[in-house]
């Protein structure tokens, strides 16, 4: 799951100083690609319902990397986004981040065993 998620993260927060990244042809296409990357991350990392989990096993290091990438993507989206609607990239990043954080919160503790959403 982490390998796939890292590929999606590269689309959401592309490396700035490398020749390996070939950006989309226009700012609009780049934003659409980032929205698609968020959608892909949601499918991969978020549970499909409140009673299930994704089954994806991820490391603390990856969660830290995801957090940093989301923060950079949000900062860039806020600085370039002229709209304030709920479908803007910045809004979608905030929604994904809060949903992901919620999915990591423990939903129950039973005899010392913690069950996560």
PDB file of N, CA and C in Angstrom:
ATOM      1  N   UNK A   1       0.823  -1.194   0.000  1.00  0.00           N
ATOM      2  CA  UNK A   1       0.000   0.000   0.000  1.00  0.00           C
ATOM      3  C   UNK A   1       0.866   1.257   0.000  1.00  0.00           C
ATOM      4  N   UNK A   2       1.997   1.203   0.718  1.00  0.00           N
ATOM      5  CA  UNK A   2       2.838   2.398   0.782  1.00  0.00           C
ATOM      6  C   UNK A   2       3.444   2.753  -0.571  1.00  0.00           C
ATOM      7  N   UNK A   3       3.841   1.764  -1.352  1.00  0.00           N
ATOM      8  CA  UNK A   3       4.428   2.055  -2.660  1.00  0.00           C
ATOM      9  C   UNK A   3       3.414   2.773  -3.549  1.00  0.00           C
ATOM     10  N   UNK A   4       2.192   2.259  -3.586  1.00  0.00           N
ATOM     11  CA  UNK A   4       1.142   2.913  -4.376  1.00  0.00           C
ATOM     12  C   UNK A   4       0.872   4.315  -3.853  1.00  0.00           C
ATOM     13  N   UNK A   5       0.778   4.437  -2.540  1.00  0.00           N
ATOM     14  CA  UNK A   5       0.492   5.747  -1.947  1.00  0.00           C
ATOM     15  C   UNK A   5       1.605   6.741  -2.264  1.00  0.00           C
ATOM     16  N   UNK A   6       2.846   6.285  -2.262  1.00  0.00           N
ATOM     17  CA  UNK A   6       3.958   7.192  -2.584  1.00  0.00           C
ATOM     18  C   UNK A   6       3.877   7.676  -4.033  1.00  0.00           C
ATOM     19  N   UNK A   7       3.423   6.813  -4.931  1.00  0.00           N
ATOM     20  CA  UNK A   7       3.253   7.242  -6.330  1.00  0.00           C
ATOM     21  C   UNK A   7       2.173   8.321  -6.420  1.00  0.00           C
ATOM     22  N   UNK A   8       1.089   8.166  -5.649  1.00  0.00           N
ATOM     23  CA  UNK A   8       0.036   9.178  -5.643  1.00  0.00           C
ATOM     24  C   UNK A   8       0.547  10.466  -5.005  1.00  0.00           C
ATOM     25  N   UNK A   9       1.360  10.337  -3.950  1.00  0.00           N
ATOM     26  CA  UNK A   9       1.928  11.518  -3.297  1.00  0.00           C
ATOM     27  C   UNK A   9       2.826  12.300  -4.256  1.00  0.00           C
ATOM     28  N   UNK A  10       3.538  11.596  -5.112  1.00  0.00           N
ATOM     29  CA  UNK A  10       4.406  12.274  -6.066  1.00  0.00           C
ATOM     30  C   UNK A  10       3.585  13.122  -7.034  1.00  0.00           C
ATOM     31  N   UNK A  11       2.375  12.681  -7.342  1.00  0.00           N
ATOM     32  CA  UNK A  11       1.496  13.489  -8.197  1.00  0.00           C
ATOM     33  C   UNK A  11       0.920  14.671  -7.427  1.00  0.00           C
ATOM     34  N   UNK A  12       0.617  14.469  -6.154  1.00  0.00           N
ATOM     35  CA  UNK A  12       0.049  15.537  -5.329  1.00  0.00           C
ATOM     36  C   UNK A  12       1.096  16.595  -4.982  1.00  0.00           C
ATOM     37  N   UNK A  13       2.290  16.154  -4.677  1.00  0.00           N
ATOM     38  CA  UNK A  13       3.372  17.045  -4.243  1.00  0.00           C
ATOM     39  C   UNK A  13       4.628  16.671  -5.025  1.00  0.00           C
ATOM     40  N   UNK A  14       4.672  17.062  -6.313  1.00  0.00           N
ATOM     41  CA  UNK A  14       5.792  16.640  -7.165  1.00  0.00           C
ATOM     42  C   UNK A  14       7.115  17.233  -6.713  1.00  0.00           C
ATOM     43  N   UNK A  15       8.183  16.476  -6.913  1.00  0.00           N
ATOM     44  CA  UNK A  15       9.510  17.011  -6.589  1.00  0.00           C
ATOM     45  C   UNK A  15       9.796  18.236  -7.451  1.00  0.00           C
ATOM     46  N   UNK A  16      10.334  19.259  -6.848  1.00  0.00           N
ATOM     47  CA  UNK A  16      10.525  20.523  -7.556  1.00  0.00           C
ATOM     48  C   UNK A  16      11.822  20.567  -8.364  1.00  0.00           C
ATOM     49  N   UNK A  17      12.864  19.920  -7.899  1.00  0.00           N
ATOM     50  CA  UNK A  17      14.180  20.076  -8.524  1.00  0.00           C
ATOM     51  C   UNK A  17      14.706  18.743  -9.045  1.00  0.00           C
ATOM     52  N   UNK A  18      13.956  18.149  -9.953  1.00  0.00           N
ATOM     53  CA  UNK A  18      14.389  16.881 -10.540  1.00  0.00           C
ATOM     54  C   UNK A  18      13.924  16.813 -11.983  1.00  0.00           C
ATOM     55  N   UNK A  19      14.613  16.052 -12.762  1.00  0.00           N
ATOM     56  CA  UNK A  19      14.227  15.854 -14.150  1.00  0.00           C
ATOM     57  C   UNK A  19      13.278  14.675 -14.318  1.00  0.00           C
ATOM     58  N   UNK A  20      12.998  13.971 -13.228  1.00  0.00           N
ATOM     59  CA  UNK A  20      12.147  12.787 -13.294  1.00  0.00           C
ATOM     60  C   UNK A  20      10.666  13.113 -13.426  1.00  0.00           C
ATOM     61  N   UNK A  21      10.286  14.335 -13.099  1.00  0.00           N
ATOM     62  CA  UNK A  21       8.869  14.699 -13.084  1.00  0.00           C
ATOM     63  C   UNK A  21       8.515  15.475 -14.337  1.00  0.00           C
ATOM     64  N   UNK A  22       7.498  15.024 -15.037  1.00  0.00           N
ATOM     65  CA  UNK A  22       7.001  15.690 -16.244  1.00  0.00           C
ATOM     66  C   UNK A  22       5.614  16.249 -15.923  1.00  0.00           C
ATOM     67  N   UNK A  23       5.512  17.537 -15.579  1.00  0.00           N
ATOM     68  CA  UNK A  23       4.220  18.088 -15.139  1.00  0.00           C
ATOM     69  C   UNK A  23       3.207  18.137 -16.276  1.00  0.00           C
ATOM     70  N   UNK A  24       1.910  18.148 -15.923  1.00  0.00           N
ATOM     71  CA  UNK A  24       0.874  18.327 -16.947  1.00  0.00           C
ATOM     72  C   UNK A  24       1.082  19.638 -17.696  1.00  0.00           C
ATOM     73  N   UNK A  25       0.446  19.740 -18.840  1.00  0.00           N
ATOM     74  CA  UNK A  25       0.708  20.844 -19.762  1.00  0.00           C
ATOM     75  C   UNK A  25       0.170  22.197 -19.317  1.00  0.00           C
ATOM     76  N   UNK A  26      -0.795  22.232 -18.411  1.00  0.00           N
ATOM     77  CA  UNK A  26      -1.364  23.510 -17.987  1.00  0.00           C
ATOM     78  C   UNK A  26      -1.638  23.493 -16.483  1.00  0.00           C
ATOM     79  N   UNK A  27      -1.764  24.672 -15.871  1.00  0.00           N
ATOM     80  CA  UNK A  27      -2.089  24.708 -14.437  1.00  0.00           C
ATOM     81  C   UNK A  27      -3.415  23.993 -14.115  1.00  0.00           C
ATOM     82  N   UNK A  28      -4.390  24.114 -15.016  1.00  0.00           N
ATOM     83  CA  UNK A  28      -5.676  23.449 -14.781  1.00  0.00           C
ATOM     84  C   UNK A  28      -5.512  21.933 -14.801  1.00  0.00           C
ATOM     85  N   UNK A  29      -4.730  21.428 -15.746  1.00  0.00           N
ATOM     86  CA  UNK A  29      -4.491  19.987 -15.828  1.00  0.00           C
ATOM     87  C   UNK A  29      -3.704  19.510 -14.614  1.00  0.00           C
ATOM     88  N   UNK A  30      -2.771  20.331 -14.132  1.00  0.00           N
ATOM     89  CA  UNK A  30      -1.999  19.957 -12.949  1.00  0.00           C
ATOM     90  C   UNK A  30      -2.900  19.880 -11.723  1.00  0.00           C
ATOM     91  N   UNK A  31      -3.819  20.836 -11.582  1.00  0.00           N
ATOM     92  CA  UNK A  31      -4.736  20.795 -10.440  1.00  0.00           C
ATOM     93  C   UNK A  31      -5.651  19.574 -10.532  1.00  0.00           C
ATOM     94  N   UNK A  32      -6.143  19.273 -11.725  1.00  0.00           N
ATOM     95  CA  UNK A  32      -6.973  18.069 -11.905  1.00  0.00           C
ATOM     96  C   UNK A  32      -6.197  16.816 -11.527  1.00  0.00           C
ATOM     97  N   UNK A  33      -4.925  16.749 -11.891  1.00  0.00           N
ATOM     98  CA  UNK A  33      -4.094  15.594 -11.553  1.00  0.00           C
ATOM     99  C   UNK A  33      -3.939  15.482 -10.036  1.00  0.00           C
ATOM    100  N   UNK A  34      -3.791  16.606  -9.363  1.00  0.00           N
ATOM    101  CA  UNK A  34      -3.658  16.593  -7.900  1.00  0.00           C
ATOM    102  C   UNK A  34      -4.969  16.168  -7.243  1.00  0.00           C
ATOM    103  N   UNK A  35      -6.093  16.608  -7.768  1.00  0.00           N
ATOM    104  CA  UNK A  35      -7.397  16.176  -7.251  1.00  0.00           C
ATOM    105  C   UNK A  35      -7.558  14.670  -7.449  1.00  0.00           C
ATOM    106  N   UNK A  36      -7.148  14.174  -8.624  1.00  0.00           N
ATOM    107  CA  UNK A  36      -7.202  12.732  -8.880  1.00  0.00           C
ATOM    108  C   UNK A  36      -6.291  11.971  -7.919  1.00  0.00           C
ATOM    109  N   UNK A  37      -5.118  12.519  -7.628  1.00  0.00           N
ATOM    110  CA  UNK A  37      -4.197  11.872  -6.691  1.00  0.00           C
ATOM    111  C   UNK A  37      -4.823  11.787  -5.299  1.00  0.00           C
ATOM    112  N   UNK A  38      -5.504  12.860  -4.877  1.00  0.00           N
ATOM    113  CA  UNK A  38      -6.203  12.819  -3.579  1.00  0.00           C
ATOM    114  C   UNK A  38      -7.294  11.762  -3.572  1.00  0.00           C
ATOM    115  N   UNK A  39      -8.024  11.665  -4.673  1.00  0.00           N
ATOM    116  CA  UNK A  39      -9.076  10.655  -4.785  1.00  0.00           C
ATOM    117  C   UNK A  39      -8.467   9.251  -4.688  1.00  0.00           C
ATOM    118  N   UNK A  40      -7.344   9.046  -5.370  1.00  0.00           N
ATOM    119  CA  UNK A  40      -6.670   7.749  -5.326  1.00  0.00           C
ATOM    120  C   UNK A  40      -6.178   7.427  -3.912  1.00  0.00           C
ATOM    121  N   UNK A  41      -5.611   8.427  -3.232  1.00  0.00           N
ATOM    122  CA  UNK A  41      -5.165   8.226  -1.850  1.00  0.00           C
ATOM    123  C   UNK A  41      -6.351   7.885  -0.940  1.00  0.00           C
ATOM    124  N   UNK A  42      -7.483   8.539  -1.174  1.00  0.00           N
ATOM    125  CA  UNK A  42      -8.678   8.266  -0.377  1.00  0.00           C
ATOM    126  C   UNK A  42      -9.123   6.824  -0.543  1.00  0.00           C
ATOM    127  N   UNK A  43      -9.144   6.363  -1.780  1.00  0.00           N
ATOM    128  CA  UNK A  43      -9.564   4.984  -2.046  1.00  0.00           C
ATOM    129  C   UNK A  43      -8.609   3.998  -1.386  1.00  0.00           C
ATOM    130  N   UNK A  44      -7.318   4.309  -1.448  1.00  0.00           N
ATOM    131  CA  UNK A  44      -6.313   3.400  -0.914  1.00  0.00           C
ATOM    132  C   UNK A  44      -6.242   3.413   0.610  1.00  0.00           C
ATOM    133  N   UNK A  45      -6.351   4.598   1.215  1.00  0.00           N
ATOM    134  CA  UNK A  45      -6.041   4.728   2.636  1.00  0.00           C
ATOM    135  C   UNK A  45      -7.232   4.935   3.563  1.00  0.00           C
ATOM    136  N   UNK A  46      -8.386   5.316   3.025  1.00  0.00           N
ATOM    137  CA  UNK A  46      -9.529   5.572   3.904  1.00  0.00           C
ATOM    138  C   UNK A  46     -10.493   4.399   3.876  1.00  0.00           C
ATOM    139  N   UNK A  47     -11.089   4.080   5.019  1.00  0.00           N
ATOM    140  CA  UNK A  47     -12.082   2.999   5.043  1.00  0.00           C
ATOM    141  C   UNK A  47     -13.295   3.364   4.198  1.00  0.00           C
ATOM    142  N   UNK A  48     -13.909   2.352   3.605  1.00  0.00           N
ATOM    143  CA  UNK A  48     -15.065   2.609   2.736  1.00  0.00           C
ATOM    144  C   UNK A  48     -16.337   2.879   3.532  1.00  0.00           C
ATOM    145  N   UNK A  49     -16.344   2.517   4.812  1.00  0.00           N
ATOM    146  CA  UNK A  49     -17.485   2.811   5.684  1.00  0.00           C
ATOM    147  C   UNK A  49     -16.973   3.015   7.097  1.00  0.00           C
ATOM    148  N   UNK A  50     -17.827   3.491   7.956  1.00  0.00           N
ATOM    149  CA  UNK A  50     -17.406   3.775   9.331  1.00  0.00           C
ATOM    150  C   UNK A  50     -17.148   2.504  10.129  1.00  0.00           C
ATOM    151  N   UNK A  51     -17.591   1.352   9.640  1.00  0.00           N
ATOM    152  CA  UNK A  51     -17.401   0.113  10.378  1.00  0.00           C
ATOM    153  C   UNK A  51     -16.301  -0.765   9.816  1.00  0.00           C
ATOM    154  N   UNK A  52     -15.641  -0.306   8.753  1.00  0.00           N
ATOM    155  CA  UNK A  52     -14.575  -1.111   8.168  1.00  0.00           C
ATOM    156  C   UNK A  52     -13.264  -0.362   8.224  1.00  0.00           C
ATOM    157  N   UNK A  53     -12.186  -1.075   7.944  1.00  0.00           N
ATOM    158  CA  UNK A  53     -10.912  -0.395   7.785  1.00  0.00           C
ATOM    159  C   UNK A  53     -10.343  -0.772   6.435  1.00  0.00           C
ATOM    160  N   UNK A  54      -9.279  -0.111   6.050  1.00  0.00           N
ATOM    161  CA  UNK A  54      -8.742  -0.311   4.711  1.00  0.00           C
ATOM    162  C   UNK A  54      -7.926  -1.583   4.613  1.00  0.00           C
ATOM    163  N   UNK A  55      -7.406  -2.049   5.725  1.00  0.00           N
ATOM    164  CA  UNK A  55      -6.512  -3.185   5.688  1.00  0.00           C
ATOM    165  C   UNK A  55      -5.114  -2.793   5.248  1.00  0.00           C
ATOM    166  N   UNK A  56      -4.904  -1.519   4.943  1.00  0.00           N
ATOM    167  CA  UNK A  56      -3.591  -1.039   4.522  1.00  0.00           C
ATOM    168  C   UNK A  56      -2.710  -0.893   5.759  1.00  0.00           C
ATOM    169  N   UNK A  57      -1.519  -1.444   5.676  1.00  0.00           N
ATOM    170  CA  UNK A  57      -0.557  -1.307   6.772  1.00  0.00           C
ATOM    171  C   UNK A  57       0.461  -0.269   6.356  1.00  0.00           C
ATOM    172  N   UNK A  58       0.544   0.786   7.153  1.00  0.00           N
ATOM    173  CA  UNK A  58       1.454   1.880   6.834  1.00  0.00           C
ATOM    174  C   UNK A  58       2.312   2.188   8.049  1.00  0.00           C
ATOM    175  N   UNK A  59       3.479   2.738   7.794  1.00  0.00           N
ATOM    176  CA  UNK A  59       4.422   3.031   8.865  1.00  0.00           C
ATOM    177  C   UNK A  59       4.267   4.464   9.356  1.00  0.00           C
ATOM    178  N   UNK A  60       4.814   4.700  10.526  1.00  0.00           N
ATOM    179  CA  UNK A  60       4.815   6.052  11.088  1.00  0.00           C
ATOM    180  C   UNK A  60       5.600   6.984  10.170  1.00  0.00           C
ATOM    181  N   UNK A  61       6.687   6.496   9.600  1.00  0.00           N
ATOM    182  CA  UNK A  61       7.484   7.317   8.683  1.00  0.00           C
ATOM    183  C   UNK A  61       6.648   7.738   7.470  1.00  0.00           C
ATOM    184  N   UNK A  62       5.826   6.819   6.960  1.00  0.00           N
ATOM    185  CA  UNK A  62       4.985   7.173   5.821  1.00  0.00           C
ATOM    186  C   UNK A  62       3.929   8.197   6.229  1.00  0.00           C
ATOM    187  N   UNK A  63       3.336   8.051   7.404  1.00  0.00           N
ATOM    188  CA  UNK A  63       2.341   9.019   7.871  1.00  0.00           C
ATOM    189  C   UNK A  63       2.974  10.406   7.985  1.00  0.00           C
ATOM    190  N   UNK A  64       4.208  10.457   8.450  1.00  0.00           N
ATOM    191  CA  UNK A  64       4.923  11.731   8.534  1.00  0.00           C
ATOM    192  C   UNK A  64       5.147  12.313   7.137  1.00  0.00           C
ATOM    193  N   UNK A  65       5.556  11.472   6.190  1.00  0.00           N
ATOM    194  CA  UNK A  65       5.755  11.918   4.805  1.00  0.00           C
ATOM    195  C   UNK A  65       4.443  12.409   4.199  1.00  0.00           C
ATOM    196  N   UNK A  66       3.363  11.677   4.446  1.00  0.00           N
ATOM    197  CA  UNK A  66       2.043  12.074   3.954  1.00  0.00           C
ATOM    198  C   UNK A  66       1.640  13.419   4.531  1.00  0.00           C
ATOM    199  N   UNK A  67       1.846  13.591   5.823  1.00  0.00           N
ATOM    200  CA  UNK A  67       1.501  14.841   6.487  1.00  0.00           C
ATOM    201  C   UNK A  67       2.256  16.020   5.868  1.00  0.00           C
ATOM    202  N   UNK A  68       3.541  15.853   5.652  1.00  0.00           N
ATOM    203  CA  UNK A  68       4.354  16.922   5.055  1.00  0.00           C
ATOM    204  C   UNK A  68       3.889  17.238   3.633  1.00  0.00           C
ATOM    205  N   UNK A  69       3.598  16.201   2.854  1.00  0.00           N
ATOM    206  CA  UNK A  69       3.142  16.406   1.478  1.00  0.00           C
ATOM    207  C   UNK A  69       1.795  17.112   1.444  1.00  0.00           C
ATOM    208  N   UNK A  70       0.889  16.720   2.338  1.00  0.00           N
ATOM    209  CA  UNK A  70      -0.418  17.370   2.399  1.00  0.00           C
ATOM    210  C   UNK A  70      -0.280  18.842   2.780  1.00  0.00           C
ATOM    211  N   UNK A  71       0.602  19.120   3.731  1.00  0.00           N
ATOM    212  CA  UNK A  71       0.806  20.510   4.150  1.00  0.00           C
ATOM    213  C   UNK A  71       1.350  21.351   2.994  1.00  0.00           C
ATOM    214  N   UNK A  72       2.323  20.816   2.259  1.00  0.00           N
ATOM    215  CA  UNK A  72       2.877  21.564   1.122  1.00  0.00           C
ATOM    216  C   UNK A  72       1.832  21.748   0.025  1.00  0.00           C
ATOM    217  N   UNK A  73       1.075  20.686  -0.277  1.00  0.00           N
ATOM    218  CA  UNK A  73       0.046  20.781  -1.320  1.00  0.00           C
ATOM    219  C   UNK A  73      -1.020  21.799  -0.925  1.00  0.00           C
ATOM    220  N   UNK A  74      -1.404  21.806   0.353  1.00  0.00           N
ATOM    221  CA  UNK A  74      -2.408  22.757   0.824  1.00  0.00           C
ATOM    222  C   UNK A  74      -1.886  24.183   0.735  1.00  0.00           C
ATOM    223  N   UNK A  75      -0.661  24.380   1.177  1.00  0.00           N
ATOM    224  CA  UNK A  75      -0.074  25.727   1.140  1.00  0.00           C
ATOM    225  C   UNK A  75      -0.012  26.245  -0.299  1.00  0.00           C
ATOM    226  N   UNK A  76       0.417  25.389  -1.219  1.00  0.00           N
ATOM    227  CA  UNK A  76       0.489  25.797  -2.621  1.00  0.00           C
ATOM    228  C   UNK A  76      -0.906  26.072  -3.181  1.00  0.00           C
ATOM    229  N   UNK A  77      -1.876  25.226  -2.838  1.00  0.00           N
ATOM    230  CA  UNK A  77      -3.242  25.402  -3.339  1.00  0.00           C
ATOM    231  C   UNK A  77      -3.853  26.698  -2.818  1.00  0.00           C
ATOM    232  N   UNK A  78      -3.629  27.003  -1.549  1.00  0.00           N
ATOM    233  CA  UNK A  78      -4.173  28.226  -0.966  1.00  0.00           C
ATOM    234  C   UNK A  78      -3.568  29.450  -1.640  1.00  0.00           C
ATOM    235  N   UNK A  79      -2.283  29.384  -1.937  1.00  0.00           N
ATOM    236  CA  UNK A  79      -1.620  30.556  -2.518  1.00  0.00           C
ATOM    237  C   UNK A  79      -1.973  30.759  -3.992  1.00  0.00           C
ATOM    238  N   UNK A  80      -2.433  29.721  -4.679  1.00  0.00           N
ATOM    239  CA  UNK A  80      -2.750  29.860  -6.107  1.00  0.00           C
ATOM    240  C   UNK A  80      -4.230  29.772  -6.415  1.00  0.00           C
ATOM    241  N   UNK A  81      -5.038  29.306  -5.458  1.00  0.00           N
ATOM    242  CA  UNK A  81      -6.461  29.081  -5.712  1.00  0.00           C
ATOM    243  C   UNK A  81      -7.250  30.359  -5.492  1.00  0.00           C
ATOM    244  N   UNK A  82      -7.955  30.792  -6.525  1.00  0.00           N
ATOM    245  CA  UNK A  82      -8.755  32.020  -6.433  1.00  0.00           C
ATOM    246  C   UNK A  82     -10.199  31.753  -6.007  1.00  0.00           C
ATOM    247  N   UNK A  83     -10.602  30.483  -5.960  1.00  0.00           N
ATOM    248  CA  UNK A  83     -11.970  30.153  -5.579  1.00  0.00           C
ATOM    249  C   UNK A  83     -12.008  29.722  -4.117  1.00  0.00           C
ATOM    250  N   UNK A  84     -13.182  29.801  -3.529  1.00  0.00           N
ATOM    251  CA  UNK A  84     -13.339  29.354  -2.149  1.00  0.00           C
ATOM    252  C   UNK A  84     -14.387  28.259  -2.047  1.00  0.00           C
ATOM    253  N   UNK A  85     -14.719  27.640  -3.171  1.00  0.00           N
ATOM    254  CA  UNK A  85     -15.761  26.623  -3.122  1.00  0.00           C
ATOM    255  C   UNK A  85     -15.246  25.321  -2.510  1.00  0.00           C
ATOM    256  N   UNK A  86     -16.187  24.462  -2.166  1.00  0.00           N
ATOM    257  CA  UNK A  86     -15.865  23.214  -1.481  1.00  0.00           C
ATOM    258  C   UNK A  86     -15.113  22.234  -2.369  1.00  0.00           C
ATOM    259  N   UNK A  87     -15.097  22.474  -3.669  1.00  0.00           N
ATOM    260  CA  UNK A  87     -14.407  21.570  -4.568  1.00  0.00           C
ATOM    261  C   UNK A  87     -12.994  22.039  -4.909  1.00  0.00           C
ATOM    262  N   UNK A  88     -12.531  23.104  -4.295  1.00  0.00           N
ATOM    263  CA  UNK A  88     -11.183  23.577  -4.573  1.00  0.00           C
ATOM    264  C   UNK A  88     -10.176  22.565  -4.042  1.00  0.00           C
ATOM    265  N   UNK A  89      -8.979  22.601  -4.594  1.00  0.00           N
ATOM    266  CA  UNK A  89      -7.937  21.672  -4.171  1.00  0.00           C
ATOM    267  C   UNK A  89      -7.633  21.830  -2.687  1.00  0.00           C
ATOM    268  N   UNK A  90      -7.533  23.063  -2.209  1.00  0.00           N
ATOM    269  CA  UNK A  90      -7.231  23.297  -0.789  1.00  0.00           C
ATOM    270  C   UNK A  90      -8.298  22.666   0.104  1.00  0.00           C
ATOM    271  N   UNK A  91      -9.547  22.837  -0.265  1.00  0.00           N
ATOM    272  CA  UNK A  91     -10.644  22.259   0.507  1.00  0.00           C
ATOM    273  C   UNK A  91     -10.582  20.735   0.498  1.00  0.00           C
ATOM    274  N   UNK A  92     -10.264  20.164  -0.643  1.00  0.00           N
ATOM    275  CA  UNK A  92     -10.171  18.700  -0.748  1.00  0.00           C
ATOM    276  C   UNK A  92      -9.000  18.158   0.065  1.00  0.00           C
ATOM    277  N   UNK A  93      -7.895  18.894   0.097  1.00  0.00           N
ATOM    278  CA  UNK A  93      -6.753  18.467   0.911  1.00  0.00           C
ATOM    279  C   UNK A  93      -7.146  18.471   2.383  1.00  0.00           C
ATOM    280  N   UNK A  94      -7.826  19.540   2.832  1.00  0.00           N
ATOM    281  CA  UNK A  94      -8.268  19.608   4.235  1.00  0.00           C
ATOM    282  C   UNK A  94      -9.206  18.458   4.568  1.00  0.00           C
ATOM    283  N   UNK A  95     -10.151  18.166   3.668  1.00  0.00           N
ATOM    284  CA  UNK A  95     -11.108  17.086   3.920  1.00  0.00           C
ATOM    285  C   UNK A  95     -10.400  15.737   3.993  1.00  0.00           C
ATOM    286  N   UNK A  96      -9.470  15.478   3.068  1.00  0.00           N
ATOM    287  CA  UNK A  96      -8.738  14.211   3.108  1.00  0.00           C
ATOM    288  C   UNK A  96      -7.937  14.108   4.396  1.00  0.00           C
ATOM    289  N   UNK A  97      -7.215  15.174   4.768  1.00  0.00           N
ATOM    290  CA  UNK A  97      -6.376  15.145   5.965  1.00  0.00           C
ATOM    291  C   UNK A  97      -7.201  14.849   7.217  1.00  0.00           C
ATOM    292  N   UNK A  98      -8.356  15.484   7.343  1.00  0.00           N
ATOM    293  CA  UNK A  98      -9.182  15.237   8.531  1.00  0.00           C
ATOM    294  C   UNK A  98      -9.774  13.825   8.509  1.00  0.00           C
ATOM    295  N   UNK A  99     -10.164  13.345   7.347  1.00  0.00           N
ATOM    296  CA  UNK A  99     -10.692  11.979   7.245  1.00  0.00           C
ATOM    297  C   UNK A  99      -9.615  10.956   7.557  1.00  0.00           C
ATOM    298  N   UNK A 100      -8.404  11.204   7.068  1.00  0.00           N
ATOM    299  CA  UNK A 100      -7.299  10.280   7.335  1.00  0.00           C
ATOM    300  C   UNK A 100      -6.963  10.266   8.820  1.00  0.00           C
ATOM    301  N   UNK A 101      -6.881  11.442   9.428  1.00  0.00           N
ATOM    302  CA  UNK A 101      -6.599  11.514  10.866  1.00  0.00           C
ATOM    303  C   UNK A 101      -7.680  10.797  11.666  1.00  0.00           C
ATOM    304  N   UNK A 102      -8.936  10.979  11.268  1.00  0.00           N
ATOM    305  CA  UNK A 102     -10.035  10.308  11.953  1.00  0.00           C
ATOM    306  C   UNK A 102      -9.930   8.791  11.817  1.00  0.00           C
ATOM    307  N   UNK A 103      -9.471   8.320  10.651  1.00  0.00           N
ATOM    308  CA  UNK A 103      -9.365   6.869  10.454  1.00  0.00           C
ATOM    309  C   UNK A 103      -8.258   6.264  11.307  1.00  0.00           C
ATOM    310  N   UNK A 104      -7.308   7.087  11.759  1.00  0.00           N
ATOM    311  CA  UNK A 104      -6.222   6.598  12.614  1.00  0.00           C
ATOM    312  C   UNK A 104      -6.579   6.626  14.088  1.00  0.00           C
ATOM    313  N   UNK A 105      -7.643   7.341  14.436  1.00  0.00           N
ATOM    314  CA  UNK A 105      -8.030   7.451  15.840  1.00  0.00           C
ATOM    315  C   UNK A 105      -8.587   6.125  16.331  1.00  0.00           C
ATOM    316  N   UNK A 106      -8.240   5.738  17.546  1.00  0.00           N
ATOM    317  CA  UNK A 106      -8.802   4.486  18.078  1.00  0.00           C
ATOM    318  C   UNK A 106     -10.316   4.600  18.224  1.00  0.00           C
ATOM    319  N   UNK A 107     -11.021   3.525  17.837  1.00  0.00           N
ATOM    320  CA  UNK A 107     -12.475   3.552  17.985  1.00  0.00           C
ATOM    321  C   UNK A 107     -12.928   2.758  19.202  1.00  0.00           C
ATOM    322  N   UNK A 108     -12.063   1.889  19.718  1.00  0.00           N
ATOM    323  CA  UNK A 108     -12.418   1.183  20.941  1.00  0.00           C
ATOM    324  C   UNK A 108     -11.182   0.567  21.564  1.00  0.00           C
ATOM    325  N   UNK A 109     -11.268   0.386  22.867  1.00  0.00           N
ATOM    326  CA  UNK A 109     -10.204  -0.291  23.599  1.00  0.00           C
ATOM    327  C   UNK A 109     -10.872  -1.414  24.373  1.00  0.00           C
ATOM    328  N   UNK A 110     -10.392  -2.636  24.146  1.00  0.00           N
ATOM    329  CA  UNK A 110     -10.986  -3.805  24.780  1.00  0.00           C
ATOM    330  C   UNK A 110      -9.868  -4.646  25.380  1.00  0.00           C
ATOM    331  N   UNK A 111      -9.828  -4.750  26.705  1.00  0.00           N
ATOM    332  CA  UNK A 111      -8.800  -5.527  27.396  1.00  0.00           C
ATOM    333  C   UNK A 111      -7.398  -5.131  26.971  1.00  0.00           C
ATOM    334  N   UNK A 112      -7.166  -3.852  26.806  1.00  0.00           N
ATOM    335  CA  UNK A 112      -5.841  -3.367  26.438  1.00  0.00           C
ATOM    336  C   UNK A 112      -5.547  -3.393  24.954  1.00  0.00           C
ATOM    337  N   UNK A 113      -6.413  -4.012  24.157  1.00  0.00           N
ATOM    338  CA  UNK A 113      -6.215  -4.029  22.701  1.00  0.00           C
ATOM    339  C   UNK A 113      -6.910  -2.813  22.105  1.00  0.00           C
ATOM    340  N   UNK A 114      -6.202  -2.082  21.292  1.00  0.00           N
ATOM    341  CA  UNK A 114      -6.760  -0.896  20.660  1.00  0.00           C
ATOM    342  C   UNK A 114      -7.183  -1.245  19.254  1.00  0.00           C
ATOM    343  N   UNK A 115      -8.411  -0.912  18.906  1.00  0.00           N
ATOM    344  CA  UNK A 115      -8.919  -1.127  17.551  1.00  0.00           C
ATOM    345  C   UNK A 115      -9.010   0.230  16.870  1.00  0.00           C
ATOM    346  N   UNK A 116      -8.425   0.315  15.679  1.00  0.00           N
ATOM    347  CA  UNK A 116      -8.430   1.564  14.941  1.00  0.00           C
ATOM    348  C   UNK A 116      -9.455   1.521  13.838  1.00  0.00           C
ATOM    349  N   UNK A 117      -9.957   2.735  13.488  1.00  0.00           N
ATOM    350  CA  UNK A 117     -10.949   2.888  12.429  1.00  0.00           C
ATOM    351  C   UNK A 117     -10.315   2.610  11.133  1.00  0.00           C
TER     352      UNK A 117
END
